[in-house]
Amino acid sequence: MIFELPYPPTLNTMYPTNKAGIRFLSKKGRAYKAEVYGLVLEQHGIFKPFTEPVKATVHLCVPDLRKRDLDNCLKAIFDGLKEASVYMDDQQIVEIHAFKHDKVKGGTCTVEITTV
């Protein structure tokens, strides 16, 4: 299955730390998960989640020329897809291929999830 998603927030934006040192899901994080859920439903309708091990291929086109760590975006993407019931748990992801591409206005994210 292929999903066209918005460019994800960074890990620190999605899961900031409060003054007590506890990480929490931010408003931006909740909004991203909700947007992913809506897009998954729009693109594929209701379907049965993957229950077996899966592999993920991620293509990210950055939204601007700031320095960005590729791995910093993956957690938000995989958490969003889990929340959208693409798979039961992101522990099912046993293989990841991730690619960072040139700038595209607004940024883009394409994810392919397949069984192993």
N, C-alpha and C. Protein backbone atom coordinates (compact mmCIF):
# COMPACT_ATOMS: atom_id res chain seq x y z
N MET A 1 0.84 -1.18 0.00
CA MET A 1 0.00 0.00 0.00
C MET A 1 0.89 1.24 0.00
N ILE A 2 0.49 2.22 -0.77
CA ILE A 2 1.24 3.47 -0.85
C ILE A 2 0.39 4.60 -0.27
N PHE A 3 1.04 5.42 0.54
CA PHE A 3 0.37 6.54 1.21
C PHE A 3 1.09 7.83 0.87
N GLU A 4 0.33 8.83 0.45
CA GLU A 4 0.84 10.18 0.22
C GLU A 4 0.47 11.00 1.45
N LEU A 5 1.49 11.43 2.20
CA LEU A 5 1.27 12.09 3.48
C LEU A 5 1.93 13.46 3.50
N PRO A 6 1.55 14.31 4.44
CA PRO A 6 2.25 15.59 4.59
C PRO A 6 3.64 15.36 5.18
N TYR A 7 4.51 16.32 4.98
CA TYR A 7 5.84 16.24 5.57
C TYR A 7 5.67 16.22 7.09
N PRO A 8 6.32 15.30 7.77
CA PRO A 8 6.08 15.13 9.21
C PRO A 8 6.79 16.18 10.07
N PRO A 9 6.25 16.40 11.26
CA PRO A 9 6.98 17.24 12.23
C PRO A 9 8.20 16.48 12.74
N THR A 10 9.16 17.20 13.26
CA THR A 10 10.33 16.55 13.83
C THR A 10 9.95 15.84 15.13
N LEU A 11 10.79 14.95 15.56
CA LEU A 11 10.55 14.20 16.79
C LEU A 11 10.38 15.15 17.97
N ASN A 12 11.26 16.17 18.06
CA ASN A 12 11.18 17.12 19.19
C ASN A 12 9.94 18.00 19.13
N THR A 13 9.43 18.27 17.94
CA THR A 13 8.20 19.05 17.81
C THR A 13 6.99 18.19 18.17
N MET A 14 7.03 16.94 17.76
CA MET A 14 5.90 16.04 18.00
C MET A 14 5.84 15.58 19.46
N TYR A 15 7.01 15.32 20.04
CA TYR A 15 7.08 14.83 21.42
C TYR A 15 8.02 15.71 22.24
N PRO A 16 7.59 16.93 22.58
CA PRO A 16 8.45 17.80 23.40
C PRO A 16 8.54 17.28 24.83
N THR A 17 9.45 17.85 25.59
CA THR A 17 9.63 17.48 26.99
C THR A 17 9.17 18.63 27.87
N ASN A 18 8.39 18.32 28.89
CA ASN A 18 7.93 19.38 29.79
C ASN A 18 9.00 19.69 30.84
N LYS A 19 8.70 20.61 31.74
CA LYS A 19 9.68 21.04 32.74
C LYS A 19 10.09 19.92 33.68
N ALA A 20 9.23 18.92 33.84
CA ALA A 20 9.54 17.77 34.71
C ALA A 20 10.35 16.71 33.97
N GLY A 21 10.66 16.97 32.69
CA GLY A 21 11.44 16.01 31.92
C GLY A 21 10.62 14.88 31.31
N ILE A 22 9.32 15.07 31.24
CA ILE A 22 8.44 14.03 30.70
C ILE A 22 8.04 14.39 29.28
N ARG A 23 8.19 13.43 28.35
CA ARG A 23 7.78 13.65 26.96
C ARG A 23 6.28 13.48 26.84
N PHE A 24 5.67 14.29 25.96
CA PHE A 24 4.23 14.20 25.74
C PHE A 24 3.95 14.50 24.27
N LEU A 25 2.78 14.09 23.82
CA LEU A 25 2.37 14.34 22.44
C LEU A 25 1.83 15.77 22.34
N SER A 26 2.47 16.58 21.51
CA SER A 26 2.10 17.99 21.38
C SER A 26 0.84 18.18 20.55
N LYS A 27 0.34 19.40 20.53
CA LYS A 27 -0.82 19.75 19.71
C LYS A 27 -0.50 19.49 18.23
N LYS A 28 0.71 19.86 17.80
CA LYS A 28 1.12 19.60 16.42
C LYS A 28 1.18 18.10 16.14
N GLY A 29 1.63 17.35 17.13
CA GLY A 29 1.69 15.89 16.99
C GLY A 29 0.31 15.28 16.84
N ARG A 30 -0.63 15.74 17.65
CA ARG A 30 -2.01 15.25 17.55
C ARG A 30 -2.62 15.62 16.20
N ALA A 31 -2.34 16.83 15.74
CA ALA A 31 -2.87 17.28 14.45
C ALA A 31 -2.29 16.46 13.30
N TYR A 32 -0.99 16.14 13.38
CA TYR A 32 -0.37 15.33 12.33
C TYR A 32 -0.99 13.93 12.29
N LYS A 33 -1.15 13.32 13.45
CA LYS A 33 -1.75 11.98 13.49
C LYS A 33 -3.17 12.01 12.93
N ALA A 34 -3.93 13.03 13.26
CA ALA A 34 -5.30 13.15 12.76
C ALA A 34 -5.31 13.34 11.25
N GLU A 35 -4.37 14.13 10.74
CA GLU A 35 -4.29 14.36 9.30
C GLU A 35 -3.92 13.07 8.57
N VAL A 36 -2.96 12.32 9.12
CA VAL A 36 -2.56 11.03 8.53
C VAL A 36 -3.76 10.10 8.50
N TYR A 37 -4.48 10.03 9.61
CA TYR A 37 -5.67 9.16 9.68
C TYR A 37 -6.65 9.50 8.56
N GLY A 38 -6.95 10.78 8.41
CA GLY A 38 -7.88 11.22 7.37
C GLY A 38 -7.40 10.89 5.97
N LEU A 39 -6.12 11.08 5.72
CA LEU A 39 -5.56 10.81 4.39
C LEU A 39 -5.55 9.31 4.08
N VAL A 40 -5.22 8.49 5.07
CA VAL A 40 -5.24 7.04 4.87
C VAL A 40 -6.65 6.60 4.51
N LEU A 41 -7.63 7.10 5.23
CA LEU A 41 -9.03 6.75 4.97
C LEU A 41 -9.45 7.24 3.58
N GLU A 42 -9.05 8.46 3.23
CA GLU A 42 -9.39 9.03 1.93
C GLU A 42 -8.74 8.25 0.78
N GLN A 43 -7.48 7.84 0.97
CA GLN A 43 -6.74 7.18 -0.09
C GLN A 43 -7.05 5.70 -0.24
N HIS A 44 -7.41 5.04 0.86
CA HIS A 44 -7.60 3.58 0.81
C HIS A 44 -8.91 3.09 1.41
N GLY A 45 -9.69 3.95 1.98
CA GLY A 45 -10.92 3.52 2.62
C GLY A 45 -10.62 2.69 3.87
N ILE A 46 -11.63 2.00 4.35
CA ILE A 46 -11.44 1.15 5.53
C ILE A 46 -10.89 -0.19 5.06
N PHE A 47 -9.84 -0.65 5.69
CA PHE A 47 -9.23 -1.92 5.33
C PHE A 47 -8.72 -2.61 6.59
N LYS A 48 -8.42 -3.88 6.46
CA LYS A 48 -7.91 -4.66 7.59
C LYS A 48 -6.43 -4.32 7.78
N PRO A 49 -6.02 -3.98 9.01
CA PRO A 49 -4.61 -3.64 9.26
C PRO A 49 -3.69 -4.83 9.02
N PHE A 50 -2.46 -4.53 8.65
CA PHE A 50 -1.45 -5.57 8.55
C PHE A 50 -1.25 -6.18 9.93
N THR A 51 -1.17 -7.48 10.01
CA THR A 51 -0.91 -8.16 11.29
C THR A 51 0.43 -8.88 11.27
N GLU A 52 1.04 -8.99 10.10
CA GLU A 52 2.32 -9.67 9.96
C GLU A 52 3.45 -8.64 9.88
N PRO A 53 4.71 -9.10 9.92
CA PRO A 53 5.82 -8.16 9.77
C PRO A 53 5.75 -7.43 8.43
N VAL A 54 6.16 -6.16 8.45
CA VAL A 54 6.11 -5.34 7.24
C VAL A 54 7.45 -4.63 7.03
N LYS A 55 7.62 -4.16 5.80
CA LYS A 55 8.76 -3.28 5.51
C LYS A 55 8.21 -1.97 4.99
N ALA A 56 8.95 -0.92 5.22
CA ALA A 56 8.52 0.42 4.84
C ALA A 56 9.57 1.08 3.96
N THR A 57 9.11 1.71 2.91
CA THR A 57 9.97 2.55 2.07
C THR A 57 9.41 3.96 2.13
N VAL A 58 10.25 4.89 2.55
CA VAL A 58 9.83 6.27 2.78
C VAL A 58 10.63 7.20 1.86
N HIS A 59 9.91 8.07 1.15
CA HIS A 59 10.55 9.10 0.32
C HIS A 59 10.09 10.46 0.85
N LEU A 60 11.04 11.24 1.32
CA LEU A 60 10.76 12.57 1.86
C LEU A 60 11.37 13.64 0.97
N CYS A 61 10.56 14.60 0.57
CA CYS A 61 11.06 15.80 -0.11
C CYS A 61 10.95 16.92 0.91
N VAL A 62 12.08 17.48 1.28
CA VAL A 62 12.11 18.48 2.35
C VAL A 62 11.39 19.75 1.92
N PRO A 63 10.79 20.48 2.89
CA PRO A 63 10.03 21.68 2.55
C PRO A 63 10.88 22.94 2.37
N ASP A 64 12.12 22.91 2.84
CA ASP A 64 12.98 24.08 2.73
C ASP A 64 14.44 23.62 2.80
N LEU A 65 15.35 24.56 2.81
CA LEU A 65 16.77 24.22 2.74
C LEU A 65 17.45 24.09 4.11
N ARG A 66 16.67 24.12 5.20
CA ARG A 66 17.27 23.91 6.51
C ARG A 66 17.86 22.51 6.60
N LYS A 67 18.86 22.36 7.45
CA LYS A 67 19.43 21.03 7.68
C LYS A 67 18.40 20.17 8.39
N ARG A 68 18.22 18.95 7.93
CA ARG A 68 17.24 18.05 8.51
C ARG A 68 17.82 16.64 8.58
N ASP A 69 17.58 15.98 9.70
CA ASP A 69 18.00 14.59 9.86
C ASP A 69 16.89 13.69 9.35
N LEU A 70 17.22 12.82 8.45
CA LEU A 70 16.24 11.92 7.87
C LEU A 70 15.56 11.06 8.94
N ASP A 71 16.34 10.53 9.85
CA ASP A 71 15.78 9.62 10.86
C ASP A 71 14.87 10.33 11.85
N ASN A 72 14.98 11.64 11.97
CA ASN A 72 14.19 12.40 12.92
C ASN A 72 12.71 12.44 12.52
N CYS A 73 12.41 12.19 11.27
CA CYS A 73 11.04 12.26 10.76
C CYS A 73 10.31 10.93 10.83
N LEU A 74 11.03 9.85 10.90
CA LEU A 74 10.42 8.53 10.76
C LEU A 74 9.45 8.19 11.88
N LYS A 75 9.76 8.55 13.10
CA LYS A 75 8.91 8.22 14.24
C LYS A 75 7.51 8.80 14.06
N ALA A 76 7.42 10.05 13.64
CA ALA A 76 6.11 10.69 13.44
C ALA A 76 5.33 9.97 12.36
N ILE A 77 5.98 9.61 11.28
CA ILE A 77 5.32 8.92 10.17
C ILE A 77 4.76 7.57 10.65
N PHE A 78 5.62 6.78 11.28
CA PHE A 78 5.21 5.43 11.68
C PHE A 78 4.16 5.47 12.80
N ASP A 79 4.26 6.42 13.71
CA ASP A 79 3.23 6.57 14.74
C ASP A 79 1.89 6.99 14.12
N GLY A 80 1.95 7.87 13.12
CA GLY A 80 0.73 8.28 12.44
C GLY A 80 0.05 7.14 11.71
N LEU A 81 0.85 6.32 11.03
CA LEU A 81 0.28 5.18 10.31
C LEU A 81 -0.28 4.13 11.27
N LYS A 82 0.35 3.97 12.41
CA LYS A 82 -0.16 3.04 13.42
C LYS A 82 -1.50 3.56 13.95
N GLU A 83 -1.56 4.85 14.23
CA GLU A 83 -2.80 5.47 14.72
C GLU A 83 -3.93 5.33 13.69
N ALA A 84 -3.57 5.30 12.40
CA ALA A 84 -4.54 5.15 11.32
C ALA A 84 -4.87 3.68 11.06
N SER A 85 -4.34 2.79 11.90
CA SER A 85 -4.60 1.34 11.79
C SER A 85 -4.10 0.72 10.49
N VAL A 86 -2.98 1.22 9.99
CA VAL A 86 -2.36 0.57 8.83
C VAL A 86 -1.75 -0.76 9.28
N TYR A 87 -1.20 -0.78 10.48
CA TYR A 87 -0.71 -2.00 11.11
C TYR A 87 -1.07 -1.93 12.58
N MET A 88 -0.94 -3.04 13.27
CA MET A 88 -1.36 -3.12 14.67
C MET A 88 -0.39 -2.38 15.59
N ASP A 89 0.90 -2.49 15.30
CA ASP A 89 1.92 -1.88 16.15
C ASP A 89 3.15 -1.62 15.29
N ASP A 90 3.83 -0.51 15.53
CA ASP A 90 5.01 -0.24 14.71
C ASP A 90 6.18 -1.17 15.01
N GLN A 91 6.03 -2.04 15.99
CA GLN A 91 7.03 -3.10 16.19
C GLN A 91 7.01 -4.09 15.02
N GLN A 92 5.95 -4.09 14.25
CA GLN A 92 5.85 -4.97 13.09
C GLN A 92 6.78 -4.55 11.97
N ILE A 93 7.27 -3.33 12.01
CA ILE A 93 8.18 -2.85 10.96
C ILE A 93 9.55 -3.47 11.21
N VAL A 94 9.97 -4.35 10.31
CA VAL A 94 11.24 -5.06 10.49
C VAL A 94 12.29 -4.61 9.48
N GLU A 95 11.89 -3.78 8.53
CA GLU A 95 12.83 -3.30 7.52
C GLU A 95 12.39 -1.91 7.08
N ILE A 96 13.36 -0.98 7.01
CA ILE A 96 13.06 0.39 6.61
C ILE A 96 14.06 0.84 5.55
N HIS A 97 13.53 1.44 4.49
CA HIS A 97 14.35 2.11 3.49
C HIS A 97 13.86 3.55 3.44
N ALA A 98 14.74 4.49 3.68
CA ALA A 98 14.33 5.90 3.73
C ALA A 98 15.24 6.73 2.83
N PHE A 99 14.62 7.66 2.11
CA PHE A 99 15.34 8.49 1.16
C PHE A 99 14.93 9.94 1.34
N LYS A 100 15.92 10.84 1.38
CA LYS A 100 15.66 12.28 1.46
C LYS A 100 15.96 12.86 0.09
N HIS A 101 14.98 13.60 -0.45
CA HIS A 101 15.10 14.17 -1.78
C HIS A 101 15.15 15.70 -1.69
N ASP A 102 15.33 16.31 -2.84
CA ASP A 102 15.42 17.76 -2.92
C ASP A 102 14.14 18.45 -2.45
N LYS A 103 14.28 19.72 -2.21
CA LYS A 103 13.20 20.57 -1.71
C LYS A 103 12.00 20.59 -2.66
N VAL A 104 10.82 20.49 -2.06
CA VAL A 104 9.54 20.68 -2.75
C VAL A 104 8.73 21.60 -1.85
N LYS A 105 8.11 22.61 -2.42
CA LYS A 105 7.35 23.56 -1.61
C LYS A 105 6.37 22.84 -0.70
N GLY A 106 6.45 23.09 0.60
CA GLY A 106 5.58 22.45 1.58
C GLY A 106 6.07 21.09 2.04
N GLY A 107 6.97 20.47 1.28
CA GLY A 107 7.46 19.13 1.62
C GLY A 107 6.45 18.05 1.28
N THR A 108 6.94 16.87 1.02
CA THR A 108 6.07 15.73 0.75
C THR A 108 6.62 14.48 1.41
N CYS A 109 5.75 13.50 1.55
CA CYS A 109 6.14 12.23 2.15
C CYS A 109 5.34 11.12 1.48
N THR A 110 6.04 10.17 0.90
CA THR A 110 5.40 9.00 0.29
C THR A 110 5.91 7.78 1.03
N VAL A 111 4.98 6.94 1.49
CA VAL A 111 5.34 5.74 2.25
C VAL A 111 4.70 4.54 1.58
N GLU A 112 5.53 3.51 1.37
CA GLU A 112 5.00 2.24 0.88
C GLU A 112 5.19 1.20 1.99
N ILE A 113 4.11 0.53 2.34
CA ILE A 113 4.13 -0.52 3.34
C ILE A 113 3.78 -1.84 2.65
N THR A 114 4.65 -2.83 2.79
CA THR A 114 4.40 -4.15 2.21
C THR A 114 4.77 -5.22 3.21
N THR A 115 4.21 -6.39 3.05
CA THR A 115 4.59 -7.51 3.91
C THR A 115 5.99 -7.98 3.53
N VAL A 116 6.64 -8.59 4.48
CA VAL A 116 8.01 -9.08 4.25
C VAL A 116 7.93 -10.43 3.56
